[in-house]
Amino acid sequence: MASNTSKSAQKPKSQEQIVSAFNELRQQQRSLVSKMSEIEMDIKEHELVIDTLKEVDEGRKCYRMVGGVLVERTVKDVLPALTNNKEQMSKLVETLSKQMETKGSEINKFREEHNLKIRGEDSKDIEGKDQDAAKSGASGVLVSKDS
């Protein structure tokens, strides 16, 4: 009897709630992708600066933005800090990609659990079959018989 009450206590989700939860999962995945691409751009900028500073005398002055404040340092001080920051960002990208894979499998599980189909997904399969037929001899152009 206890199992019956626990099942009845959990009301099935409405279609709107399921779609809303699915969209929330997809939004979380998009934000992970966005954050990852932002960090990858920062890594590329760090690489560019590191490559430039490697060719410069270690005693030369350079300026670095730290917490919104422009600070005067030497290349000798800045280069190791930039290299360390780049390595930390690379580790963060790896962590985010693992989180993205986990989120993707979570989304797929949710889709299977609630039998969700994305609009246009089935039509791609049909289009693929039509394209195969077009390659096998048909031109793929519809023409009226009257003309």
C-alpha atoms as a PDB file:
ATOM      1  CA  MET A   1       0.000   0.000   0.000  1.00  0.00           C
ATOM      2  CA  ALA A   2       2.898   2.339   0.693  1.00  0.00           C
ATOM      3  CA  SER A   3       4.115   1.964  -2.888  1.00  0.00           C
ATOM      4  CA  ASN A   4       0.690   2.928  -4.208  1.00  0.00           C
ATOM      5  CA  THR A   5       0.621   6.131  -2.183  1.00  0.00           C
ATOM      6  CA  SER A   6       4.111   7.110  -3.310  1.00  0.00           C
ATOM      7  CA  LYS A   7       3.118   6.623  -6.948  1.00  0.00           C
ATOM      8  CA  SER A   8      -0.071   8.587  -6.528  1.00  0.00           C
ATOM      9  CA  ALA A   9       1.778  11.345  -4.681  1.00  0.00           C
ATOM     10  CA  GLN A  10       3.977  11.814  -7.741  1.00  0.00           C
ATOM     11  CA  LYS A  11       1.614  13.312 -10.285  1.00  0.00           C
ATOM     12  CA  PRO A  12       2.634  12.862 -13.908  1.00  0.00           C
ATOM     13  CA  LYS A  13       4.088  15.964 -15.446  1.00  0.00           C
ATOM     14  CA  SER A  14       1.984  17.877 -17.911  1.00  0.00           C
ATOM     15  CA  GLN A  15       3.190  18.263 -21.457  1.00  0.00           C
ATOM     16  CA  GLU A  16       4.117  21.895 -20.827  1.00  0.00           C
ATOM     17  CA  GLN A  17       6.205  20.941 -17.792  1.00  0.00           C
ATOM     18  CA  ILE A  18       8.041  18.257 -19.779  1.00  0.00           C
ATOM     19  CA  VAL A  19       8.773  20.655 -22.644  1.00  0.00           C
ATOM     20  CA  SER A  20       9.833  23.341 -20.184  1.00  0.00           C
ATOM     21  CA  ALA A  21      12.206  20.944 -18.406  1.00  0.00           C
ATOM     22  CA  PHE A  22      13.633  19.812 -21.752  1.00  0.00           C
ATOM     23  CA  ASN A  23      14.174  23.403 -22.887  1.00  0.00           C
ATOM     24  CA  GLU A  24      15.878  24.158 -19.562  1.00  0.00           C
ATOM     25  CA  LEU A  25      18.289  21.251 -20.109  1.00  0.00           C
ATOM     26  CA  ARG A  26      19.035  22.463 -23.637  1.00  0.00           C
ATOM     27  CA  GLN A  27      19.602  26.016 -22.356  1.00  0.00           C
ATOM     28  CA  GLN A  28      22.059  24.695 -19.768  1.00  0.00           C
ATOM     29  CA  GLN A  29      23.902  22.845 -22.526  1.00  0.00           C
ATOM     30  CA  ARG A  30      23.992  25.985 -24.674  1.00  0.00           C
ATOM     31  CA  SER A  31      25.409  28.029 -21.798  1.00  0.00           C
ATOM     32  CA  LEU A  32      28.156  25.403 -21.317  1.00  0.00           C
ATOM     33  CA  VAL A  33      29.027  25.625 -25.013  1.00  0.00           C
ATOM     34  CA  SER A  34      29.026  29.417 -24.863  1.00  0.00           C
ATOM     35  CA  LYS A  35      31.295  29.472 -21.807  1.00  0.00           C
ATOM     36  CA  MET A  36      33.622  26.942 -23.422  1.00  0.00           C
ATOM     37  CA  SER A  37      33.984  28.967 -26.616  1.00  0.00           C
ATOM     38  CA  GLU A  38      34.581  32.144 -24.601  1.00  0.00           C
ATOM     39  CA  ILE A  39      37.372  30.480 -22.633  1.00  0.00           C
ATOM     40  CA  GLU A  40      38.887  29.003 -25.805  1.00  0.00           C
ATOM     41  CA  MET A  41      39.042  32.520 -27.265  1.00  0.00           C
ATOM     42  CA  ASP A  42      40.818  33.697 -24.104  1.00  0.00           C
ATOM     43  CA  ILE A  43      43.277  30.815 -24.451  1.00  0.00           C
ATOM     44  CA  LYS A  44      44.064  31.878 -28.016  1.00  0.00           C
ATOM     45  CA  GLU A  45      44.642  35.458 -26.835  1.00  0.00           C
ATOM     46  CA  HIS A  46      46.948  34.205 -24.073  1.00  0.00           C
ATOM     47  CA  GLU A  47      48.889  32.107 -26.606  1.00  0.00           C
ATOM     48  CA  LEU A  48      49.315  35.130 -28.856  1.00  0.00           C
ATOM     49  CA  VAL A  49      50.609  37.298 -25.994  1.00  0.00           C
ATOM     50  CA  ILE A  50      52.877  34.511 -24.691  1.00  0.00           C
ATOM     51  CA  ASP A  51      54.399  33.980 -28.144  1.00  0.00           C
ATOM     52  CA  THR A  52      54.981  37.714 -28.484  1.00  0.00           C
ATOM     53  CA  LEU A  53      56.543  38.082 -25.020  1.00  0.00           C
ATOM     54  CA  LYS A  54      58.894  35.126 -25.536  1.00  0.00           C
ATOM     55  CA  GLU A  55      60.742  37.145 -28.167  1.00  0.00           C
ATOM     56  CA  VAL A  56      61.092  40.217 -25.916  1.00  0.00           C
ATOM     57  CA  ASP A  57      63.844  41.007 -23.393  1.00  0.00           C
ATOM     58  CA  GLU A  58      62.865  39.776 -19.895  1.00  0.00           C
ATOM     59  CA  GLY A  59      63.692  43.137 -18.286  1.00  0.00           C
ATOM     60  CA  ARG A  60      61.357  45.098 -20.537  1.00  0.00           C
ATOM     61  CA  LYS A  61      58.339  46.799 -19.002  1.00  0.00           C
ATOM     62  CA  CYS A  62      54.886  45.557 -19.868  1.00  0.00           C
ATOM     63  CA  TYR A  63      51.418  46.324 -18.604  1.00  0.00           C
ATOM     64  CA  ARG A  64      48.894  43.815 -17.410  1.00  0.00           C
ATOM     65  CA  MET A  65      45.252  44.218 -16.459  1.00  0.00           C
ATOM     66  CA  VAL A  66      44.666  42.755 -12.990  1.00  0.00           C
ATOM     67  CA  GLY A  67      41.130  43.005 -11.630  1.00  0.00           C
ATOM     68  CA  GLY A  68      40.327  46.016 -13.783  1.00  0.00           C
ATOM     69  CA  VAL A  69      43.541  47.832 -12.811  1.00  0.00           C
ATOM     70  CA  LEU A  70      46.413  48.317 -15.236  1.00  0.00           C
ATOM     71  CA  VAL A  71      49.631  47.245 -13.512  1.00  0.00           C
ATOM     72  CA  GLU A  72      53.194  47.834 -14.671  1.00  0.00           C
ATOM     73  CA  ARG A  73      55.383  44.707 -14.520  1.00  0.00           C
ATOM     74  CA  THR A  74      58.330  43.203 -16.317  1.00  0.00           C
ATOM     75  CA  VAL A  75      58.095  40.487 -18.939  1.00  0.00           C
ATOM     76  CA  LYS A  76      59.973  38.206 -16.537  1.00  0.00           C
ATOM     77  CA  ASP A  77      57.094  38.520 -14.011  1.00  0.00           C
ATOM     78  CA  VAL A  78      54.191  38.393 -16.450  1.00  0.00           C
ATOM     79  CA  LEU A  79      55.208  35.476 -18.681  1.00  0.00           C
ATOM     80  CA  PRO A  80      54.968  32.723 -16.015  1.00  0.00           C
ATOM     81  CA  ALA A  81      51.646  34.095 -14.783  1.00  0.00           C
ATOM     82  CA  LEU A  82      50.206  34.093 -18.311  1.00  0.00           C
ATOM     83  CA  THR A  83      51.429  30.545 -18.912  1.00  0.00           C
ATOM     84  CA  ASN A  84      49.853  29.409 -15.643  1.00  0.00           C
ATOM     85  CA  ASN A  85      46.549  31.143 -16.504  1.00  0.00           C
ATOM     86  CA  LYS A  86      46.516  29.466 -19.924  1.00  0.00           C
ATOM     87  CA  GLU A  87      47.046  26.035 -18.353  1.00  0.00           C
ATOM     88  CA  GLN A  88      44.248  26.658 -15.849  1.00  0.00           C
ATOM     89  CA  MET A  89      41.893  27.715 -18.623  1.00  0.00           C
ATOM     90  CA  SER A  90      42.767  24.583 -20.615  1.00  0.00           C
ATOM     91  CA  LYS A  91      41.866  22.433 -17.598  1.00  0.00           C
ATOM     92  CA  LEU A  92      38.613  24.351 -17.248  1.00  0.00           C
ATOM     93  CA  VAL A  93      37.752  23.690 -20.897  1.00  0.00           C
ATOM     94  CA  GLU A  94      38.336  19.965 -20.335  1.00  0.00           C
ATOM     95  CA  THR A  95      36.043  20.045 -17.294  1.00  0.00           C
ATOM     96  CA  LEU A  96      33.366  21.927 -19.218  1.00  0.00           C
ATOM     97  CA  SER A  97      33.532  19.468 -22.118  1.00  0.00           C
ATOM     98  CA  LYS A  98      33.002  16.582 -19.677  1.00  0.00           C
ATOM     99  CA  GLN A  99      30.039  18.444 -18.184  1.00  0.00           C
ATOM    100  CA  MET A 100      28.690  19.005 -21.693  1.00  0.00           C
ATOM    101  CA  GLU A 101      28.918  15.287 -22.485  1.00  0.00           C
ATOM    102  CA  THR A 102      27.105  14.509 -19.234  1.00  0.00           C
ATOM    103  CA  LYS A 103      24.427  17.081 -20.040  1.00  0.00           C
ATOM    104  CA  GLY A 104      24.033  15.610 -23.540  1.00  0.00           C
ATOM    105  CA  SER A 105      23.473  12.117 -22.170  1.00  0.00           C
ATOM    106  CA  GLU A 106      21.053  13.574 -19.605  1.00  0.00           C
ATOM    107  CA  ILE A 107      19.109  15.252 -22.420  1.00  0.00           C
ATOM    108  CA  ASN A 108      19.011  12.030 -24.450  1.00  0.00           C
ATOM    109  CA  LYS A 109      17.827  10.067 -21.419  1.00  0.00           C
ATOM    110  CA  PHE A 110      15.123  12.683 -20.774  1.00  0.00           C
ATOM    111  CA  ARG A 111      14.014  12.496 -24.422  1.00  0.00           C
ATOM    112  CA  GLU A 112      13.762   8.715 -24.315  1.00  0.00           C
ATOM    113  CA  GLU A 113      12.028   8.736 -20.933  1.00  0.00           C
ATOM    114  CA  HIS A 114       9.342  11.168 -22.115  1.00  0.00           C
ATOM    115  CA  ASN A 115       9.305  10.025 -25.768  1.00  0.00           C
ATOM    116  CA  LEU A 116      10.165  13.490 -27.090  1.00  0.00           C
ATOM    117  CA  LYS A 117      10.795  14.157 -30.752  1.00  0.00           C
ATOM    118  CA  ILE A 118      12.292  17.367 -32.041  1.00  0.00           C
ATOM    119  CA  ARG A 119      10.459  19.037 -34.870  1.00  0.00           C
ATOM    120  CA  GLY A 120      12.236  18.491 -38.170  1.00  0.00           C
ATOM    121  CA  GLU A 121      14.195  15.501 -36.898  1.00  0.00           C
ATOM    122  CA  ASP A 122      11.980  12.943 -38.685  1.00  0.00           C
ATOM    123  CA  SER A 123      11.831  15.019 -41.845  1.00  0.00           C
ATOM    124  CA  LYS A 124      15.633  14.893 -42.060  1.00  0.00           C
ATOM    125  CA  ASP A 125      15.455  11.114 -42.266  1.00  0.00           C
ATOM    126  CA  ILE A 126      12.832  11.339 -45.010  1.00  0.00           C
ATOM    127  CA  GLU A 127      14.851  14.003 -46.853  1.00  0.00           C
ATOM    128  CA  GLY A 128      17.907  11.760 -46.668  1.00  0.00           C
ATOM    129  CA  LYS A 129      15.952   8.949 -48.351  1.00  0.00           C
ATOM    130  CA  ASP A 130      14.670  11.371 -51.000  1.00  0.00           C
ATOM    131  CA  GLN A 131      18.211  12.581 -51.637  1.00  0.00           C
ATOM    132  CA  ASP A 132      19.398   8.994 -52.077  1.00  0.00           C
ATOM    133  CA  ALA A 133      16.623   8.445 -54.615  1.00  0.00           C
ATOM    134  CA  ALA A 134      17.590  11.680 -56.386  1.00  0.00           C
ATOM    135  CA  LYS A 135      21.210  10.541 -56.629  1.00  0.00           C
ATOM    136  CA  SER A 136      20.160   7.223 -58.119  1.00  0.00           C
ATOM    137  CA  GLY A 137      18.708   8.825 -61.238  1.00  0.00           C
ATOM    138  CA  ALA A 138      15.950  11.320 -60.476  1.00  0.00           C
ATOM    139  CA  SER A 139      16.862  14.967 -60.759  1.00  0.00           C
ATOM    140  CA  GLY A 140      14.985  15.947 -57.588  1.00  0.00           C
ATOM    141  CA  VAL A 141      13.028  18.727 -59.335  1.00  0.00           C
ATOM    142  CA  LEU A 142       9.243  18.703 -59.310  1.00  0.00           C
ATOM    143  CA  VAL A 143       7.671  19.646 -62.618  1.00  0.00           C
ATOM    144  CA  SER A 144       3.981  20.008 -63.418  1.00  0.00           C
ATOM    145  CA  LYS A 145       2.620  17.604 -66.061  1.00  0.00           C
ATOM    146  CA  ASP A 146       0.772  20.446 -67.789  1.00  0.00           C
ATOM    147  CA  SER A 147       3.950  22.208 -68.867  1.00  0.00           C
END
